[in-house]
């Protein structure tokens, strides 16, 4: 799943060391900062987020389902 999501994504975001970084596509800095703060607060140490061209968001397994909607709201706000 992770490989396929990476391959088909238009935007990819990696989270590590308390920071988010866009590894594919462009994401505004304030969104990356908000995502990073949310993930760090939840105790996530490393994760990935992928966005498809139609706006669908996929999360790596390290991100619990409880956070999914909160992170979608940050990305689509």
N, C-alpha and C. Protein backbone atom coordinates (compact mmCIF):
# COMPACT_ATOMS: atom_id res chain seq x y z
N UNK A 1 0.82 -1.19 0.00
CA UNK A 1 0.00 0.00 0.00
C UNK A 1 0.86 1.25 0.00
N UNK A 2 1.90 1.25 0.81
CA UNK A 2 2.76 2.43 0.91
C UNK A 2 3.42 2.73 -0.43
N UNK A 3 3.93 1.68 -1.10
CA UNK A 3 4.58 1.86 -2.38
C UNK A 3 3.61 2.43 -3.42
N UNK A 4 2.41 1.87 -3.48
CA UNK A 4 1.41 2.32 -4.44
C UNK A 4 0.99 3.76 -4.15
N UNK A 5 0.80 4.09 -2.89
CA UNK A 5 0.43 5.46 -2.52
C UNK A 5 1.51 6.45 -2.92
N UNK A 6 2.76 6.07 -2.69
CA UNK A 6 3.88 6.94 -3.10
C UNK A 6 3.90 7.14 -4.59
N UNK A 7 3.68 6.07 -5.31
CA UNK A 7 3.75 6.11 -6.77
C UNK A 7 2.66 6.99 -7.38
N UNK A 8 1.45 6.91 -6.85
CA UNK A 8 0.31 7.60 -7.44
C UNK A 8 0.05 8.99 -6.87
N UNK A 9 0.80 9.39 -5.86
CA UNK A 9 0.51 10.67 -5.22
C UNK A 9 1.04 11.85 -6.03
N UNK A 10 0.33 12.95 -5.91
CA UNK A 10 0.75 14.21 -6.51
C UNK A 10 1.57 14.98 -5.48
N UNK A 11 1.19 14.81 -4.22
CA UNK A 11 1.88 15.46 -3.11
C UNK A 11 2.24 14.41 -2.07
N UNK A 12 3.46 14.46 -1.57
CA UNK A 12 3.90 13.55 -0.51
C UNK A 12 4.55 14.37 0.59
N UNK A 13 4.19 14.04 1.82
CA UNK A 13 4.72 14.75 2.98
C UNK A 13 5.34 13.72 3.92
N UNK A 14 6.56 13.98 4.35
CA UNK A 14 7.24 13.10 5.30
C UNK A 14 7.35 13.80 6.64
N UNK A 15 7.14 13.06 7.73
CA UNK A 15 7.28 13.59 9.08
C UNK A 15 8.37 12.81 9.79
N UNK A 16 9.37 13.52 10.30
CA UNK A 16 10.44 12.90 11.08
C UNK A 16 11.10 14.00 11.91
N UNK A 17 11.60 13.62 13.07
CA UNK A 17 12.31 14.55 13.95
C UNK A 17 11.46 15.77 14.30
N UNK A 18 10.15 15.58 14.41
CA UNK A 18 9.25 16.66 14.81
C UNK A 18 8.90 17.66 13.74
N UNK A 19 9.27 17.38 12.50
CA UNK A 19 9.00 18.31 11.39
C UNK A 19 8.41 17.61 10.19
N UNK A 20 7.58 18.34 9.46
CA UNK A 20 7.04 17.84 8.20
C UNK A 20 7.78 18.51 7.05
N UNK A 21 7.97 17.73 5.98
CA UNK A 21 8.64 18.25 4.80
C UNK A 21 7.93 17.70 3.57
N UNK A 22 7.67 18.57 2.60
CA UNK A 22 7.07 18.12 1.35
C UNK A 22 8.17 17.47 0.51
N UNK A 23 8.00 16.19 0.19
CA UNK A 23 8.99 15.50 -0.62
C UNK A 23 8.55 15.40 -2.08
N UNK A 24 7.30 15.69 -2.32
CA UNK A 24 6.77 15.78 -3.69
C UNK A 24 5.65 16.80 -3.68
N UNK A 25 5.63 17.65 -4.69
CA UNK A 25 4.60 18.68 -4.76
C UNK A 25 4.93 19.87 -3.85
N UNK A 26 3.99 20.77 -3.75
CA UNK A 26 4.19 21.97 -2.94
C UNK A 26 3.11 22.05 -1.86
N UNK A 27 3.54 22.35 -0.66
CA UNK A 27 2.65 22.53 0.48
C UNK A 27 3.11 23.77 1.22
N UNK A 28 2.16 24.62 1.57
CA UNK A 28 2.52 25.86 2.25
C UNK A 28 3.17 25.56 3.60
N UNK A 29 4.14 26.38 3.97
CA UNK A 29 4.92 26.18 5.19
C UNK A 29 4.02 26.14 6.44
N UNK A 30 3.01 27.01 6.50
CA UNK A 30 2.17 27.03 7.70
C UNK A 30 1.37 25.72 7.84
N UNK A 31 1.03 25.08 6.74
CA UNK A 31 0.35 23.79 6.80
C UNK A 31 1.31 22.70 7.29
N UNK A 32 2.53 22.72 6.79
CA UNK A 32 3.52 21.75 7.24
C UNK A 32 3.80 21.91 8.74
N UNK A 33 3.88 23.16 9.19
CA UNK A 33 4.11 23.41 10.62
C UNK A 33 2.95 22.90 11.46
N UNK A 34 1.72 23.13 11.00
CA UNK A 34 0.53 22.67 11.73
C UNK A 34 0.46 21.14 11.76
N UNK A 35 0.76 20.50 10.63
CA UNK A 35 0.78 19.04 10.59
C UNK A 35 1.84 18.49 11.54
N UNK A 36 3.02 19.09 11.51
CA UNK A 36 4.10 18.65 12.37
C UNK A 36 3.75 18.77 13.85
N UNK A 37 3.13 19.88 14.21
CA UNK A 37 2.73 20.08 15.60
C UNK A 37 1.69 19.05 16.03
N UNK A 38 0.74 18.78 15.18
CA UNK A 38 -0.33 17.82 15.48
C UNK A 38 0.24 16.41 15.65
N UNK A 39 1.13 16.01 14.74
CA UNK A 39 1.72 14.67 14.81
C UNK A 39 2.64 14.52 16.02
N UNK A 40 3.42 15.55 16.30
CA UNK A 40 4.31 15.50 17.46
C UNK A 40 3.51 15.42 18.76
N UNK A 41 2.44 16.19 18.83
CA UNK A 41 1.58 16.19 20.01
C UNK A 41 0.95 14.80 20.24
N UNK A 42 0.68 14.10 19.16
CA UNK A 42 0.07 12.77 19.25
C UNK A 42 1.11 11.68 19.52
N UNK A 43 2.39 12.05 19.55
CA UNK A 43 3.43 11.08 19.86
C UNK A 43 3.92 10.26 18.67
N UNK A 44 3.61 10.73 17.46
CA UNK A 44 4.07 10.04 16.26
C UNK A 44 5.54 10.42 16.03
N UNK A 45 6.40 9.45 15.75
CA UNK A 45 7.81 9.76 15.56
C UNK A 45 8.21 9.85 14.09
N UNK A 46 7.55 9.07 13.24
CA UNK A 46 7.87 9.07 11.81
C UNK A 46 6.61 8.66 11.06
N UNK A 47 6.31 9.34 9.95
CA UNK A 47 5.10 9.01 9.20
C UNK A 47 5.16 9.65 7.81
N UNK A 48 4.21 9.26 6.96
CA UNK A 48 4.07 9.85 5.64
C UNK A 48 2.59 10.10 5.34
N UNK A 49 2.36 11.13 4.54
CA UNK A 49 1.01 11.48 4.10
C UNK A 49 1.09 11.68 2.59
N UNK A 50 0.12 11.11 1.88
CA UNK A 50 0.09 11.25 0.42
C UNK A 50 -1.24 11.84 -0.01
N UNK A 51 -1.18 12.72 -1.02
CA UNK A 51 -2.40 13.33 -1.58
C UNK A 51 -2.47 13.01 -3.07
N UNK A 52 -3.61 12.49 -3.50
CA UNK A 52 -3.85 12.20 -4.91
C UNK A 52 -4.31 13.49 -5.60
N UNK A 53 -4.31 13.45 -6.91
CA UNK A 53 -4.72 14.61 -7.69
C UNK A 53 -6.15 15.04 -7.46
N UNK A 54 -7.01 14.10 -7.05
CA UNK A 54 -8.42 14.43 -6.80
C UNK A 54 -8.66 14.89 -5.36
N UNK A 55 -7.59 15.06 -4.57
CA UNK A 55 -7.73 15.56 -3.21
C UNK A 55 -7.81 14.48 -2.14
N UNK A 56 -7.84 13.20 -2.53
CA UNK A 56 -7.88 12.14 -1.53
C UNK A 56 -6.56 12.08 -0.77
N UNK A 57 -6.65 11.87 0.53
CA UNK A 57 -5.48 11.83 1.38
C UNK A 57 -5.33 10.42 1.95
N UNK A 58 -4.11 9.89 1.89
CA UNK A 58 -3.80 8.58 2.44
C UNK A 58 -2.69 8.76 3.48
N UNK A 59 -2.80 8.01 4.57
CA UNK A 59 -1.85 8.12 5.68
C UNK A 59 -1.10 6.82 5.86
N UNK A 60 0.16 6.91 6.27
CA UNK A 60 0.91 5.71 6.61
C UNK A 60 0.36 5.12 7.90
N UNK A 61 0.68 3.88 8.17
CA UNK A 61 0.13 3.17 9.33
C UNK A 61 0.52 3.80 10.66
N UNK A 62 1.60 4.53 10.70
CA UNK A 62 2.05 5.14 11.95
C UNK A 62 1.08 6.20 12.47
N UNK A 63 0.22 6.69 11.59
CA UNK A 63 -0.76 7.71 11.98
C UNK A 63 -2.08 7.01 12.29
N UNK A 64 -2.50 7.11 13.53
CA UNK A 64 -3.74 6.45 13.95
C UNK A 64 -4.98 7.07 13.32
N UNK A 65 -6.05 6.28 13.17
CA UNK A 65 -7.29 6.76 12.56
C UNK A 65 -7.91 7.95 13.28
N UNK A 66 -7.61 8.08 14.55
CA UNK A 66 -8.16 9.20 15.33
C UNK A 66 -7.68 10.54 14.77
N UNK A 67 -6.49 10.57 14.20
CA UNK A 67 -5.91 11.82 13.69
C UNK A 67 -6.29 12.13 12.24
N UNK A 68 -6.79 11.16 11.52
CA UNK A 68 -7.00 11.34 10.08
C UNK A 68 -7.83 12.57 9.74
N UNK A 69 -8.98 12.74 10.34
CA UNK A 69 -9.84 13.87 9.98
C UNK A 69 -9.20 15.20 10.36
N UNK A 70 -8.55 15.22 11.49
CA UNK A 70 -7.88 16.44 11.95
C UNK A 70 -6.81 16.88 10.94
N UNK A 71 -6.03 15.91 10.45
CA UNK A 71 -4.99 16.21 9.48
C UNK A 71 -5.58 16.60 8.12
N UNK A 72 -6.67 15.94 7.72
CA UNK A 72 -7.36 16.34 6.48
C UNK A 72 -7.84 17.78 6.56
N UNK A 73 -8.36 18.16 7.71
CA UNK A 73 -8.83 19.53 7.89
C UNK A 73 -7.69 20.54 7.72
N UNK A 74 -6.52 20.21 8.23
CA UNK A 74 -5.37 21.10 8.08
C UNK A 74 -4.98 21.20 6.61
N UNK A 75 -4.96 20.08 5.91
CA UNK A 75 -4.53 20.09 4.51
C UNK A 75 -5.53 20.79 3.60
N UNK A 76 -6.82 20.66 3.89
CA UNK A 76 -7.83 21.21 2.99
C UNK A 76 -8.39 22.56 3.42
N UNK A 77 -7.87 23.11 4.50
CA UNK A 77 -8.39 24.40 5.02
C UNK A 77 -8.00 25.55 4.09
